[in-house]
Structure formats: structure tokens, C-alpha cells
Amino acid sequence: MRFFLIVALFVVFAFVSAHENPCQQPITVGPCKALIKRWAFDQKTKKCSEFGYGGCQGNENNFKTLDECKKTCETK
């Protein structure tokens, strides 16, 4: 029981930490097929890059403009 509680707390902490900083979230296209031009912070290159967002089930690492992405992620 104690192990389950520790694992549950770790999962909640990881989710809250990622939720607070969209720049640490993965680039997520999502399952839909809209291919909307968006920008996201790429952890590997440490820069904002353009990607085709499907239109649903993305995350917060999804910016409408390059400037918004840079202001949020490249200055940290």
C-alpha cells in the first residue's frame, strides 16, 4: 500500500511539474488531421520549431506564433 502511495505521489508531482512549464513538455501533434501551423519548444535543440498540429489532444507546448514560443521558452 505504501509503495502505491509513493508511486501515485510521484506521478502527480511529475504531472504538476510538467503542467507548470510547457517548455518541458514533448511536441505533440495529436491524432486529428488538421495540420495547423504552430510552434513548440524542442528540448533537443533548445529552440522553438514549427510543426503541424493536428487540432486536438495536444499539450501546452503549442504556440500560435514563433514570438510567443520564444518569449515563453527561449528566455528561460
N, C-alpha and C. Protein backbone atom coordinates (compact mmCIF):
# COMPACT_ATOMS: atom_id res chain seq x y z
N MET A 1 0.82 -1.19 0.00
CA MET A 1 0.00 0.00 0.00
C MET A 1 0.87 1.26 0.00
N ARG A 2 1.92 1.23 0.80
CA ARG A 2 2.81 2.38 0.88
C ARG A 2 3.49 2.64 -0.47
N PHE A 3 3.89 1.56 -1.14
CA PHE A 3 4.52 1.68 -2.46
C PHE A 3 3.58 2.36 -3.44
N PHE A 4 2.30 1.93 -3.46
CA PHE A 4 1.31 2.53 -4.35
C PHE A 4 1.17 4.03 -4.07
N LEU A 5 1.14 4.40 -2.82
CA LEU A 5 1.01 5.81 -2.44
C LEU A 5 2.21 6.62 -2.93
N ILE A 6 3.40 6.08 -2.78
CA ILE A 6 4.62 6.77 -3.23
C ILE A 6 4.60 6.93 -4.75
N VAL A 7 4.23 5.88 -5.46
CA VAL A 7 4.16 5.96 -6.92
C VAL A 7 3.11 6.98 -7.35
N ALA A 8 1.95 6.97 -6.70
CA ALA A 8 0.88 7.92 -7.03
C ALA A 8 1.34 9.36 -6.79
N LEU A 9 2.01 9.61 -5.70
CA LEU A 9 2.52 10.96 -5.42
C LEU A 9 3.56 11.38 -6.44
N PHE A 10 4.42 10.47 -6.86
CA PHE A 10 5.42 10.78 -7.87
C PHE A 10 4.75 11.15 -9.19
N VAL A 11 3.74 10.40 -9.59
CA VAL A 11 3.02 10.67 -10.84
C VAL A 11 2.35 12.04 -10.77
N VAL A 12 1.71 12.34 -9.67
CA VAL A 12 1.06 13.65 -9.51
C VAL A 12 2.09 14.76 -9.56
N PHE A 13 3.21 14.60 -8.87
CA PHE A 13 4.26 15.62 -8.88
C PHE A 13 4.81 15.82 -10.29
N ALA A 14 5.04 14.75 -11.02
CA ALA A 14 5.56 14.85 -12.38
C ALA A 14 4.56 15.57 -13.28
N PHE A 15 3.28 15.26 -13.13
CA PHE A 15 2.25 15.91 -13.95
C PHE A 15 2.18 17.40 -13.63
N VAL A 16 2.20 17.76 -12.36
CA VAL A 16 2.11 19.17 -11.97
C VAL A 16 3.35 19.92 -12.45
N SER A 17 4.52 19.33 -12.34
CA SER A 17 5.74 19.98 -12.78
C SER A 17 5.71 20.24 -14.28
N ALA A 18 5.30 19.27 -15.05
CA ALA A 18 5.23 19.43 -16.50
C ALA A 18 4.14 20.42 -16.87
N HIS A 19 3.05 20.42 -16.12
CA HIS A 19 1.94 21.32 -16.41
C HIS A 19 2.37 22.78 -16.18
N GLU A 20 3.22 23.02 -15.22
CA GLU A 20 3.66 24.38 -14.91
C GLU A 20 4.59 24.93 -15.98
N ASN A 21 5.34 24.09 -16.65
CA ASN A 21 6.30 24.56 -17.64
C ASN A 21 6.05 23.88 -18.98
N PRO A 22 5.32 24.55 -19.87
CA PRO A 22 5.02 23.94 -21.17
C PRO A 22 6.27 23.65 -21.99
N CYS A 23 7.35 24.34 -21.72
CA CYS A 23 8.58 24.18 -22.50
C CYS A 23 9.23 22.81 -22.27
N GLN A 24 8.88 22.14 -21.19
CA GLN A 24 9.44 20.83 -20.89
C GLN A 24 8.56 19.70 -21.41
N GLN A 25 7.40 20.03 -21.96
CA GLN A 25 6.50 19.02 -22.50
C GLN A 25 6.94 18.63 -23.91
N PRO A 26 6.64 17.41 -24.33
CA PRO A 26 7.02 16.99 -25.68
C PRO A 26 6.19 17.71 -26.74
N ILE A 27 6.71 17.77 -27.94
CA ILE A 27 5.94 18.32 -29.07
C ILE A 27 4.90 17.26 -29.44
N THR A 28 3.63 17.64 -29.34
CA THR A 28 2.54 16.69 -29.55
C THR A 28 1.66 17.13 -30.71
N VAL A 29 1.67 16.38 -31.79
CA VAL A 29 0.85 16.67 -32.97
C VAL A 29 -0.61 16.35 -32.68
N GLY A 30 -0.88 15.27 -31.99
CA GLY A 30 -2.24 14.82 -31.71
C GLY A 30 -2.77 13.95 -32.84
N PRO A 31 -3.89 13.25 -32.59
CA PRO A 31 -4.41 12.29 -33.56
C PRO A 31 -5.24 12.89 -34.69
N CYS A 32 -5.68 14.12 -34.55
CA CYS A 32 -6.52 14.72 -35.60
C CYS A 32 -5.67 15.14 -36.80
N LYS A 33 -6.31 15.48 -37.89
CA LYS A 33 -5.61 15.67 -39.17
C LYS A 33 -5.63 17.10 -39.71
N ALA A 34 -5.83 18.10 -38.88
CA ALA A 34 -5.98 19.47 -39.36
C ALA A 34 -4.68 20.08 -39.91
N LEU A 35 -3.54 19.73 -39.35
CA LEU A 35 -2.23 20.28 -39.72
C LEU A 35 -2.20 21.81 -39.67
N ILE A 36 -2.46 22.33 -38.49
CA ILE A 36 -2.43 23.77 -38.23
C ILE A 36 -0.98 24.16 -37.93
N LYS A 37 -0.51 25.24 -38.54
CA LYS A 37 0.86 25.71 -38.31
C LYS A 37 0.97 26.22 -36.87
N ARG A 38 1.85 25.60 -36.10
CA ARG A 38 2.10 26.00 -34.72
C ARG A 38 3.60 25.93 -34.43
N TRP A 39 3.95 26.45 -33.27
CA TRP A 39 5.34 26.47 -32.82
C TRP A 39 5.44 25.79 -31.47
N ALA A 40 6.55 25.09 -31.24
CA ALA A 40 6.78 24.40 -29.98
C ALA A 40 8.26 24.46 -29.65
N PHE A 41 8.57 24.37 -28.37
CA PHE A 41 9.97 24.36 -27.93
C PHE A 41 10.51 22.94 -28.02
N ASP A 42 11.61 22.79 -28.72
CA ASP A 42 12.26 21.50 -28.91
C ASP A 42 13.36 21.35 -27.86
N GLN A 43 13.21 20.40 -26.96
CA GLN A 43 14.19 20.19 -25.88
C GLN A 43 15.57 19.82 -26.41
N LYS A 44 15.64 19.14 -27.55
CA LYS A 44 16.93 18.71 -28.09
C LYS A 44 17.75 19.88 -28.62
N THR A 45 17.10 20.77 -29.37
CA THR A 45 17.82 21.89 -29.98
C THR A 45 17.80 23.14 -29.11
N LYS A 46 16.94 23.14 -28.09
CA LYS A 46 16.75 24.29 -27.19
C LYS A 46 16.27 25.52 -27.96
N LYS A 47 15.48 25.28 -29.01
CA LYS A 47 14.92 26.36 -29.82
C LYS A 47 13.47 26.04 -30.16
N CYS A 48 12.74 27.07 -30.54
CA CYS A 48 11.38 26.88 -30.99
C CYS A 48 11.39 26.41 -32.44
N SER A 49 10.52 25.47 -32.75
CA SER A 49 10.44 24.97 -34.12
C SER A 49 8.98 24.84 -34.55
N GLU A 50 8.78 24.96 -35.84
CA GLU A 50 7.45 24.86 -36.41
C GLU A 50 7.03 23.39 -36.53
N PHE A 51 5.75 23.13 -36.30
CA PHE A 51 5.23 21.78 -36.51
C PHE A 51 3.78 21.86 -36.93
N GLY A 52 3.27 20.79 -37.48
CA GLY A 52 1.87 20.73 -37.91
C GLY A 52 1.01 20.12 -36.83
N TYR A 53 0.24 20.94 -36.13
CA TYR A 53 -0.65 20.48 -35.07
C TYR A 53 -1.92 19.91 -35.67
N GLY A 54 -2.31 18.74 -35.26
CA GLY A 54 -3.48 18.07 -35.80
C GLY A 54 -4.81 18.72 -35.43
N GLY A 55 -4.83 19.50 -34.35
CA GLY A 55 -6.05 20.20 -33.97
C GLY A 55 -6.74 19.69 -32.72
N CYS A 56 -6.26 18.57 -32.15
CA CYS A 56 -6.88 18.06 -30.93
C CYS A 56 -5.86 17.26 -30.11
N GLN A 57 -6.14 17.17 -28.82
CA GLN A 57 -5.35 16.39 -27.86
C GLN A 57 -3.87 16.76 -27.84
N GLY A 58 -3.57 18.03 -27.92
CA GLY A 58 -2.20 18.48 -27.80
C GLY A 58 -1.87 18.76 -26.34
N ASN A 59 -0.83 19.54 -26.12
CA ASN A 59 -0.49 19.96 -24.76
C ASN A 59 -0.16 21.45 -24.79
N GLU A 60 0.41 21.96 -23.71
CA GLU A 60 0.68 23.39 -23.61
C GLU A 60 1.92 23.84 -24.37
N ASN A 61 2.72 22.90 -24.85
CA ASN A 61 3.88 23.25 -25.68
C ASN A 61 3.39 23.39 -27.12
N ASN A 62 2.55 24.41 -27.32
CA ASN A 62 1.85 24.61 -28.58
C ASN A 62 1.52 26.09 -28.67
N PHE A 63 2.29 26.83 -29.45
CA PHE A 63 2.15 28.28 -29.52
C PHE A 63 1.71 28.72 -30.91
N LYS A 64 0.87 29.74 -30.96
CA LYS A 64 0.36 30.22 -32.25
C LYS A 64 1.41 30.96 -33.05
N THR A 65 2.38 31.58 -32.37
CA THR A 65 3.41 32.34 -33.08
C THR A 65 4.80 31.96 -32.58
N LEU A 66 5.79 32.19 -33.43
CA LEU A 66 7.18 31.97 -33.06
C LEU A 66 7.56 32.89 -31.91
N ASP A 67 7.10 34.13 -31.97
CA ASP A 67 7.43 35.10 -30.92
C ASP A 67 6.91 34.65 -29.56
N GLU A 68 5.69 34.14 -29.52
CA GLU A 68 5.11 33.65 -28.26
C GLU A 68 5.94 32.50 -27.70
N CYS A 69 6.36 31.59 -28.56
CA CYS A 69 7.18 30.45 -28.14
C CYS A 69 8.52 30.93 -27.59
N LYS A 70 9.16 31.85 -28.32
CA LYS A 70 10.46 32.36 -27.87
C LYS A 70 10.35 33.08 -26.54
N LYS A 71 9.34 33.92 -26.38
CA LYS A 71 9.16 34.66 -25.13
C LYS A 71 8.92 33.73 -23.95
N THR A 72 8.22 32.64 -24.19
CA THR A 72 7.89 31.71 -23.12
C THR A 72 9.04 30.76 -22.80
N CYS A 73 9.75 30.29 -23.82
CA CYS A 73 10.69 29.19 -23.60
C CYS A 73 12.17 29.51 -23.80
N GLU A 74 12.51 30.32 -24.77
CA GLU A 74 13.93 30.53 -25.06
C GLU A 74 14.61 31.48 -24.09
N THR A 75 13.85 32.18 -23.29
CA THR A 75 14.45 33.12 -22.34
C THR A 75 14.69 32.48 -20.98
N LYS A 76 14.28 31.22 -20.81
CA LYS A 76 14.41 30.55 -19.51
C LYS A 76 15.70 29.80 -19.40
